[in-house]
Amino acid sequence: MLVMEFKAVLQEPQKLAINEAIRTARFVRNKVLRYWMDNRGTGKKELYRYNTQIREEFEFVKDLNSHACQASVENVERAIKRFFDNCKNKIPGKKGYPRFKKHSRSVEYKQSGWKLSPDKKSIKFTDKKGIGKVKLKGNWDLWRFEQKLIKRVRIVQKADGYYVQFCVKVDNSEPLEATGFTVGLDVGLKEFYTDSDGYSEPNPRFYKKGEKRAIFYQRRVSRKKKGSANRKKAINRLGRTHLKISRQREEHAKRLARCVIRSNDLVAYEDLRVKNLVKNHCLAKSINDAGWYQFREWLEYFGQKFGRITVAVNPAYTSQNCSSCGEVVKKSLSTRTHACKCGCRLDRDHNAAKNILTRALGTVGHTETYQNAWGDLSSTLPGSGLVEQDGSVSQESPAF
C-alpha cells in the first residue's frame, strides 16, 4: 500500500462542511462504542446493524456517506480487538480499554462518496455534507493509478490546514542488489546513532532548537481570554510551531533510515521500550526529542520495501560487555569510553553497536513484517536473544 497526501485548497464554507463531517464520524464512533459497552458480547454484525439504526434515527448522520460511517465502526472494532489481544497476551500495564473521543481530526471514506476529476488534480465529495469539489495541491503523480486502486480517501485537519490522503493498493517494493555489508546501530542522546563501523550521526535536537519559540507562543495562549477568537489564533500558531518540529524530526529519521537500509543487507538495532525510558524525568525531554522509535519504524518500513533484513535485538548488557572478548566491564552512564583488560579501547556507543551486530548475526531466521492499509506494522519476531516488537509507520511523504 502507498499513501499519497495532498494539501486541500478550500473555501470557508467547505471548511465548515468538513468539520461537520468529522464531528459526525466521531458521533457514530462514540455511539457504537457506547452500544458495545452496554451490550457485552456483541459481535461485528451487531455493531454494523446498530450503525444502520443510527443512520435512520439521525438525519445529520444520514447525510454522511454510508461507507464513511462504516469506517467509524471499523475504528471501534479495531480498538476492541486491540484491547482483547493485549489482555490475551498479558502485556504489562494498561491494556488499552476503548475510550470515547472528545476531539478528532479526520473523516475517512472508502470507495464511494467521492469522485476524482479526469486530470486527478481535484476531488469531489458527493455526499450531502456539502464539501463539494476540492482542489488538490501536491507533487504526487496520482494520475498514474486507476481510481479502482484507491481503497481509502481520508480528509485530515492539521494545524496548517486540511489535507487529503489517498491509500493506493500497489506493490511498493523495490528489491535492490546485495551490497555485502551488515551494520549494527546504537542510538543515543550524545549522538543520534553510532554504527558498528565507528561512524556517528550527530543528534539534531530539533525541539531544543525550537523550544524558545514554542514557549513564547505558549505564553501568548495563556494570556488570551478563554473562548475568544484571539485565543484560537494563538493556539493555532502554537500548533504550527510544534507541527514544524514534528515534521523536521520525522524527515530526519526517514532520510537516515533510507540511507542505512540502502547501504546494508542487514541492519541490527536495539529493541528499546521508549515508553519505559521516558519515565526517567531527567532525560524524558531529550529522549522524546531524539525520535528513536520513529527511526526504528522507518528502518522496518524501508527494510520491507527494499528487501533488506532488519533485526531488533535485546539491548541488555550491550554497553557493558566487551565486543572483543565478551568480558563484562561495568560502567556508569557518564563513562563514555569502553576500556577492557584485553586491550580493547573503544567509544562506549561503538562497542555497543558491535555487540548489537554480533547478536543479530547469531540469530536464526527473520519473520517478514506485515503492513495493513494505513501502514500499521506487526514487526519482526526473530530468533533467540530477541524480544517481540509492535509498532506503526506513516507512509512516505512527497519528498520521496
Protein backbone atom coordinates (compact mmCIF):
# COMPACT_ATOMS: atom_id res chain seq x y z
CA MET A 1 0.00 0.00 0.00
CA LEU A 2 1.06 3.56 -0.74
CA VAL A 3 -0.37 6.64 0.99
CA MET A 4 -0.32 9.88 -1.00
CA GLU A 5 -1.04 13.18 0.73
CA PHE A 6 -2.17 16.44 -0.91
CA LYS A 7 -2.85 19.87 0.53
CA ALA A 8 -6.53 20.81 0.11
CA VAL A 9 -7.36 24.28 -1.25
CA LEU A 10 -10.70 25.16 0.36
CA GLN A 11 -13.23 27.94 0.70
CA GLU A 12 -14.60 28.83 4.13
CA PRO A 13 -17.96 27.00 3.61
CA GLN A 14 -16.05 23.86 2.64
CA LYS A 15 -14.01 24.02 5.86
CA LEU A 16 -17.22 24.20 7.87
CA ALA A 17 -18.64 21.24 5.91
CA ILE A 18 -15.51 19.16 6.57
CA ASN A 19 -15.66 19.99 10.28
CA GLU A 20 -19.28 18.84 10.33
CA ALA A 21 -18.33 15.57 8.58
CA ILE A 22 -15.55 14.99 11.14
CA ARG A 23 -17.95 15.61 14.05
CA THR A 24 -20.49 13.22 12.53
CA ALA A 25 -17.89 10.46 12.12
CA ARG A 26 -16.87 10.96 15.76
CA PHE A 27 -20.53 10.84 16.84
CA VAL A 28 -21.03 7.49 15.08
CA ARG A 29 -17.88 6.07 16.63
CA ASN A 30 -18.86 7.08 20.16
CA LYS A 31 -22.44 5.82 19.77
CA VAL A 32 -21.27 2.43 18.51
CA LEU A 33 -18.71 2.19 21.33
CA ARG A 34 -21.41 3.03 23.89
CA TYR A 35 -23.60 0.29 22.40
CA TRP A 36 -20.77 -2.24 22.76
CA MET A 37 -20.16 -1.21 26.38
CA ASP A 38 -23.84 -1.61 27.26
CA ASN A 39 -24.16 -4.94 25.42
CA ARG A 40 -21.08 -7.01 26.16
CA GLY A 41 -20.54 -9.91 23.83
CA THR A 42 -21.94 -8.15 20.77
CA GLY A 43 -20.13 -9.06 17.59
CA LYS A 44 -19.18 -7.33 14.37
CA LYS A 45 -22.56 -7.84 12.71
CA GLU A 46 -24.46 -6.30 15.64
CA LEU A 47 -22.23 -3.20 15.52
CA TYR A 48 -22.94 -2.68 11.83
CA ARG A 49 -26.68 -3.20 12.38
CA TYR A 50 -26.62 -0.57 15.10
CA ASN A 51 -24.82 1.78 12.72
CA THR A 52 -27.75 1.37 10.32
CA GLN A 53 -30.17 2.24 13.12
CA ILE A 54 -28.21 5.40 13.89
CA ARG A 55 -28.43 6.49 10.25
CA GLU A 56 -32.19 6.00 10.30
CA GLU A 57 -32.60 7.85 13.59
CA PHE A 58 -30.42 10.91 12.95
CA GLU A 59 -30.75 12.89 9.75
CA PHE A 60 -27.31 14.53 10.02
CA VAL A 61 -25.73 11.06 10.19
CA LYS A 62 -27.63 10.01 7.08
CA ASP A 63 -26.11 12.98 5.24
CA LEU A 64 -22.65 11.45 5.68
CA ASN A 65 -21.71 8.72 3.19
CA SER A 66 -22.64 5.25 4.46
CA HIS A 67 -19.13 3.91 3.89
CA ALA A 68 -17.68 6.75 5.95
CA CYS A 69 -19.96 5.66 8.81
CA GLN A 70 -18.76 2.09 8.33
CA ALA A 71 -15.16 3.29 8.59
CA SER A 72 -16.01 4.74 12.03
CA VAL A 73 -17.41 1.35 13.06
CA GLU A 74 -14.19 -0.28 11.85
CA ASN A 75 -12.22 2.04 14.14
CA VAL A 76 -14.25 0.80 17.11
CA GLU A 77 -13.81 -2.78 16.02
CA ARG A 78 -10.02 -2.37 15.82
CA ALA A 79 -9.92 -0.75 19.26
CA ILE A 80 -11.90 -3.63 20.77
CA LYS A 81 -9.71 -6.25 19.10
CA ARG A 82 -6.53 -4.50 20.28
CA PHE A 83 -7.84 -4.44 23.84
CA PHE A 84 -8.68 -8.17 23.90
CA ASP A 85 -5.37 -9.06 22.22
CA ASN A 86 -3.47 -7.12 24.89
CA CYS A 87 -5.42 -8.92 27.62
CA LYS A 88 -4.82 -12.29 25.99
CA ASN A 89 -1.08 -11.63 25.61
CA LYS A 90 -0.92 -10.31 29.20
CA ILE A 91 1.07 -7.23 28.33
CA PRO A 92 2.22 -5.27 31.41
CA GLY A 93 0.44 -2.07 32.43
CA LYS A 94 -2.78 -0.73 30.98
CA LYS A 95 -4.44 -2.85 28.30
CA GLY A 96 -5.92 -0.01 26.23
CA TYR A 97 -9.61 -0.25 27.02
CA PRO A 98 -11.54 1.56 24.23
CA ARG A 99 -12.34 5.15 25.13
CA PHE A 100 -14.66 7.82 23.79
CA LYS A 101 -13.21 10.51 21.57
CA LYS A 102 -13.75 14.12 22.52
CA HIS A 103 -11.62 15.51 19.70
CA SER A 104 -10.89 14.06 16.27
CA ARG A 105 -9.30 15.47 13.16
CA SER A 106 -10.20 13.16 10.29
CA VAL A 107 -13.01 11.53 8.37
CA GLU A 108 -12.42 8.51 6.17
CA TYR A 109 -14.24 7.44 3.02
CA LYS A 110 -13.99 4.07 1.32
CA GLN A 111 -14.56 3.61 -2.42
CA SER A 112 -17.74 5.64 -2.61
CA GLY A 113 -18.80 9.15 -1.68
CA TRP A 114 -16.11 10.80 -3.80
CA LYS A 115 -15.06 11.15 -7.43
CA LEU A 116 -11.73 12.20 -8.90
CA SER A 117 -11.52 14.66 -11.78
CA PRO A 118 -10.11 13.29 -15.08
CA ASP A 119 -6.82 15.16 -14.58
CA LYS A 120 -6.60 13.89 -10.94
CA LYS A 121 -6.00 17.44 -9.69
CA SER A 122 -9.27 17.77 -7.78
CA ILE A 123 -11.75 15.54 -5.97
CA LYS A 124 -15.48 15.94 -5.48
CA PHE A 125 -17.23 14.57 -2.39
CA THR A 126 -20.74 13.54 -3.38
CA ASP A 127 -22.49 13.01 -0.03
CA LYS A 128 -24.90 15.55 1.46
CA LYS A 129 -22.42 17.23 3.80
CA GLY A 130 -21.75 19.88 1.17
CA ILE A 131 -17.97 19.59 0.89
CA GLY A 132 -18.15 19.62 -2.91
CA LYS A 133 -15.14 19.98 -5.21
CA VAL A 134 -11.73 20.23 -3.53
CA LYS A 135 -8.61 21.30 -5.40
CA LEU A 136 -5.51 19.20 -4.63
CA LYS A 137 -2.07 20.75 -4.26
CA GLY A 138 0.94 18.44 -4.28
CA ASN A 139 3.69 16.73 -6.30
CA TRP A 140 2.49 13.12 -6.32
CA ASP A 141 1.72 11.52 -9.70
CA LEU A 142 -1.77 10.38 -8.79
CA TRP A 143 -2.73 10.20 -12.48
CA ARG A 144 -0.57 7.06 -12.86
CA PHE A 145 -3.06 4.97 -10.85
CA GLU A 146 -6.56 3.86 -11.76
CA GLN A 147 -9.34 5.00 -9.46
CA LYS A 148 -10.27 1.42 -8.58
CA LEU A 149 -6.84 1.01 -6.93
CA ILE A 150 -7.66 3.79 -4.42
CA LYS A 151 -9.11 1.93 -1.43
CA ARG A 152 -9.40 4.80 1.06
CA VAL A 153 -9.70 8.59 0.98
CA ARG A 154 -9.18 10.48 4.21
CA ILE A 155 -9.58 14.19 4.99
CA VAL A 156 -7.23 15.23 7.80
CA GLN A 157 -7.20 18.52 9.66
CA LYS A 158 -3.77 19.77 10.79
CA ALA A 159 -2.58 22.98 12.36
CA ASP A 160 -1.59 24.45 8.99
CA GLY A 161 -4.70 23.41 7.04
CA TYR A 162 -6.55 20.43 5.60
CA TYR A 163 -5.05 17.51 3.72
CA VAL A 164 -6.50 14.74 1.54
CA GLN A 165 -4.83 11.33 1.80
CA PHE A 166 -5.22 8.52 -0.75
CA CYS A 167 -4.45 4.90 0.09
CA VAL A 168 -3.47 3.20 -3.18
CA LYS A 169 -3.20 -0.57 -3.45
CA VAL A 170 0.06 -1.01 -5.37
CA ASP A 171 3.20 -3.04 -4.91
CA ASN A 172 5.65 -0.51 -3.47
CA SER A 173 8.61 -2.87 -3.16
CA GLU A 174 11.91 -2.08 -4.91
CA PRO A 175 14.33 -5.02 -4.45
CA LEU A 176 17.96 -3.91 -4.55
CA GLU A 177 21.15 -5.78 -5.33
CA ALA A 178 23.10 -7.16 -2.39
CA THR A 179 25.84 -4.91 -1.02
CA GLY A 180 27.63 -7.47 1.15
CA PHE A 181 27.58 -5.14 4.17
CA THR A 182 25.97 -5.53 7.58
CA VAL A 183 25.69 -2.91 10.31
CA GLY A 184 24.66 -2.58 13.94
CA LEU A 185 23.22 0.66 15.30
CA ASP A 186 23.33 2.01 18.83
CA VAL A 187 21.13 5.07 19.36
CA GLY A 188 21.96 7.65 22.00
CA LEU A 189 21.49 11.21 23.21
CA LYS A 190 25.01 12.50 22.58
CA GLU A 191 24.97 11.16 19.02
CA PHE A 192 21.80 10.17 17.21
CA TYR A 193 23.32 6.79 16.40
CA THR A 194 26.73 5.15 16.25
CA ASP A 195 27.21 2.19 13.91
CA SER A 196 29.44 -0.85 14.24
CA ASP A 197 31.96 0.71 11.83
CA GLY A 198 32.54 3.63 14.20
CA TYR A 199 30.60 6.30 12.28
CA SER A 200 28.47 8.63 14.42
CA GLU A 201 25.49 10.66 13.20
CA PRO A 202 25.03 13.91 15.15
CA ASN A 203 21.82 14.44 17.10
CA PRO A 204 19.94 17.43 15.57
CA ARG A 205 17.83 18.16 18.71
CA PHE A 206 15.01 19.87 16.82
CA TYR A 207 12.85 20.55 19.86
CA LYS A 208 15.71 22.06 21.84
CA LYS A 209 16.37 24.47 18.95
CA GLY A 210 12.71 25.46 18.64
CA GLU A 211 11.82 25.35 22.32
CA LYS A 212 12.14 29.12 22.86
CA ARG A 213 9.62 29.86 20.11
CA ALA A 214 7.25 27.20 21.44
CA ILE A 215 7.42 28.69 24.94
CA PHE A 216 6.85 32.17 23.52
CA TYR A 217 3.65 31.10 21.73
CA GLN A 218 2.52 29.06 24.75
CA ARG A 219 2.69 32.20 26.87
CA ARG A 220 0.65 34.08 24.29
CA VAL A 221 -2.03 31.40 24.55
CA SER A 222 -2.07 31.73 28.34
CA ARG A 223 -2.62 35.49 28.16
CA LYS A 224 -5.69 35.26 25.91
CA LYS A 225 -9.21 35.04 27.25
CA LYS A 226 -10.67 31.54 27.10
CA GLY A 227 -13.17 31.13 24.29
CA SER A 228 -12.03 34.25 22.42
CA ALA A 229 -11.08 34.39 18.75
CA ASN A 230 -7.59 35.64 19.65
CA ARG A 231 -7.02 32.59 21.84
CA LYS A 232 -7.97 30.30 18.95
CA LYS A 233 -5.48 32.11 16.71
CA ALA A 234 -2.76 31.79 19.35
CA ILE A 235 -3.48 28.07 19.78
CA ASN A 236 -3.23 27.58 16.02
CA ARG A 237 0.11 29.40 15.91
CA LEU A 238 1.42 27.24 18.74
CA GLY A 239 0.19 24.13 16.92
CA ARG A 240 2.02 25.12 13.74
CA THR A 241 5.24 25.57 15.73
CA HIS A 242 5.01 22.05 17.15
CA LEU A 243 3.97 20.66 13.77
CA LYS A 244 7.12 22.09 12.18
CA ILE A 245 9.31 20.46 14.83
CA SER A 246 7.50 17.14 14.38
CA ARG A 247 7.97 17.23 10.61
CA GLN A 248 11.66 18.07 10.95
CA ARG A 249 12.17 15.12 13.27
CA GLU A 250 10.28 12.70 11.03
CA GLU A 251 12.04 13.77 7.82
CA HIS A 252 15.41 13.41 9.56
CA ALA A 253 14.58 9.88 10.75
CA LYS A 254 13.23 8.96 7.31
CA ARG A 255 16.30 10.23 5.44
CA LEU A 256 18.75 8.41 7.71
CA ALA A 257 16.76 5.16 7.71
CA ARG A 258 16.56 5.14 3.92
CA CYS A 259 20.33 5.66 3.56
CA VAL A 260 21.17 2.97 6.13
CA ILE A 261 18.84 0.39 4.56
CA ARG A 262 20.02 1.01 1.00
CA SER A 263 23.69 0.65 2.05
CA ASN A 264 23.43 -2.62 4.01
CA ASP A 265 21.94 -6.09 3.57
CA LEU A 266 21.26 -6.50 7.29
CA VAL A 267 20.60 -3.77 9.84
CA ALA A 268 20.55 -4.57 13.56
CA TYR A 269 19.26 -2.19 16.20
CA GLU A 270 18.15 -2.17 19.83
CA ASP A 271 14.61 -3.17 20.73
CA LEU A 272 14.15 -0.22 23.08
CA ARG A 273 10.98 0.36 25.09
CA VAL A 274 10.84 4.14 24.81
CA LYS A 275 7.67 4.22 26.92
CA ASN A 276 9.67 2.90 29.86
CA LEU A 277 12.74 5.03 29.19
CA VAL A 278 10.84 8.32 29.40
CA LYS A 279 9.88 7.50 32.99
CA ASN A 280 13.27 8.99 33.83
CA HIS A 281 12.14 12.60 34.17
CA CYS A 282 15.70 13.93 33.89
CA LEU A 283 16.06 12.53 30.36
CA ALA A 284 12.46 12.33 29.14
CA LYS A 285 12.55 15.54 27.08
CA SER A 286 15.83 14.59 25.37
CA ILE A 287 14.65 11.04 24.67
CA ASN A 288 11.40 12.24 23.08
CA ASP A 289 13.30 14.85 21.07
CA ALA A 290 15.66 12.20 19.65
CA GLY A 291 12.83 10.27 17.95
CA TRP A 292 14.34 6.80 18.31
CA TYR A 293 11.06 5.00 17.76
CA GLN A 294 10.32 6.92 14.54
CA PHE A 295 13.76 5.94 13.29
CA ARG A 296 13.09 2.29 14.05
CA GLU A 297 9.70 2.43 12.29
CA TRP A 298 11.28 3.79 9.12
CA LEU A 299 14.05 1.20 9.27
CA GLU A 300 11.43 -1.55 9.29
CA TYR A 301 9.40 0.10 6.54
CA PHE A 302 12.33 0.63 4.18
CA GLY A 303 13.65 -2.82 5.04
CA GLN A 304 10.42 -4.31 3.73
CA LYS A 305 10.33 -2.00 0.72
CA PHE A 306 13.91 -2.67 -0.42
CA GLY A 307 14.05 -6.33 0.59
CA ARG A 308 16.59 -5.88 3.40
CA ILE A 309 16.74 -7.71 6.73
CA THR A 310 16.04 -5.66 9.86
CA VAL A 311 16.63 -7.30 13.24
CA ALA A 312 15.83 -5.90 16.69
CA VAL A 313 17.96 -7.37 19.47
CA ASN A 314 17.63 -7.33 23.24
CA PRO A 315 19.70 -4.32 24.40
CA ALA A 316 20.60 -5.88 27.76
CA TYR A 317 24.34 -5.56 28.54
CA THR A 318 25.28 -4.40 25.03
CA SER A 319 27.08 -1.43 26.62
CA GLN A 320 28.69 -3.44 29.42
CA ASN A 321 30.06 -6.45 27.51
CA CYS A 322 33.34 -6.17 25.65
CA SER A 323 32.87 -6.60 21.90
CA SER A 324 36.33 -8.21 21.63
CA CYS A 325 36.48 -10.79 24.42
CA GLY A 326 32.96 -10.75 25.88
CA GLU A 327 34.11 -9.78 29.36
CA VAL A 328 31.69 -7.66 31.42
CA VAL A 329 33.10 -4.19 32.05
CA LYS A 330 30.83 -2.27 34.43
CA LYS A 331 30.48 1.44 33.70
CA SER A 332 28.06 4.21 34.61
CA LEU A 333 26.08 6.25 32.11
CA SER A 334 28.62 9.09 32.37
CA THR A 335 31.52 6.82 31.35
CA ARG A 336 31.81 7.30 27.58
CA THR A 337 34.86 5.11 26.87
CA HIS A 338 34.96 1.31 26.97
CA ALA A 339 38.33 0.04 28.24
CA CYS A 340 38.81 -3.69 28.73
CA LYS A 341 41.78 -5.56 30.20
CA CYS A 342 42.10 -7.45 26.90
CA GLY A 343 43.34 -4.21 25.31
CA CYS A 344 40.11 -3.23 23.59
CA ARG A 345 39.52 0.51 23.92
CA LEU A 346 36.53 1.97 22.06
CA ASP A 347 33.89 4.62 22.40
CA ARG A 348 31.07 3.28 24.55
CA ASP A 349 28.47 3.52 21.75
CA HIS A 350 30.81 1.98 19.16
CA ASN A 351 31.36 -1.02 21.43
CA ALA A 352 27.59 -1.38 21.95
CA ALA A 353 26.93 -1.23 18.19
CA LYS A 354 29.42 -4.05 17.59
CA ASN A 355 27.69 -6.17 20.25
CA ILE A 356 24.29 -5.47 18.68
CA LEU A 357 25.51 -6.65 15.27
CA THR A 358 27.09 -9.78 16.79
CA ARG A 359 23.81 -10.72 18.49
CA ALA A 360 21.83 -10.17 15.31
CA LEU A 361 24.17 -12.34 13.24
CA GLY A 362 23.87 -15.08 15.87
CA THR A 363 20.10 -15.37 15.40
CA VAL A 364 18.38 -17.71 13.00
CA GLY A 365 15.56 -16.66 10.64
CA HIS A 366 13.69 -13.45 10.08
CA THR A 367 9.94 -13.02 10.06
CA GLU A 368 8.64 -10.59 7.43
CA THR A 369 6.69 -7.57 8.59
CA TYR A 370 3.04 -7.21 7.71
CA GLN A 371 1.60 -3.92 6.54
CA ASN A 372 -2.09 -3.05 6.53
CA ALA A 373 -3.99 -0.48 4.53
CA TRP A 374 -2.79 2.52 6.53
CA GLY A 375 0.73 1.36 7.30
CA ASP A 376 0.41 -0.43 10.65
CA LEU A 377 3.18 -2.95 11.20
CA SER A 378 3.50 -6.02 13.33
CA SER A 379 7.21 -6.24 13.03
CA THR A 380 9.88 -8.88 13.21
CA LEU A 381 9.96 -11.75 15.64
CA PRO A 382 13.45 -13.18 15.05
CA GLY A 383 15.01 -16.00 16.96
CA SER A 384 16.91 -16.22 20.22
CA GLY A 385 18.01 -13.10 22.01
CA LEU A 386 15.22 -11.02 20.51
CA VAL A 387 12.01 -9.77 22.01
CA GLU A 388 8.65 -9.01 20.45
CA GLN A 389 8.10 -5.75 18.64
CA ASP A 390 4.99 -3.93 17.60
CA GLY A 391 4.58 -0.52 16.04
CA SER A 392 3.12 1.60 13.26
CA VAL A 393 4.57 3.70 10.49
CA SER A 394 3.33 6.52 8.35
CA GLN A 395 3.86 6.12 4.66
CA GLU A 396 6.35 8.03 2.56
CA SER A 397 5.86 11.72 2.05
CA PRO A 398 6.14 13.58 -1.29
CA ALA A 399 9.84 14.11 -0.53
CA PHE A 400 10.45 10.59 -1.81
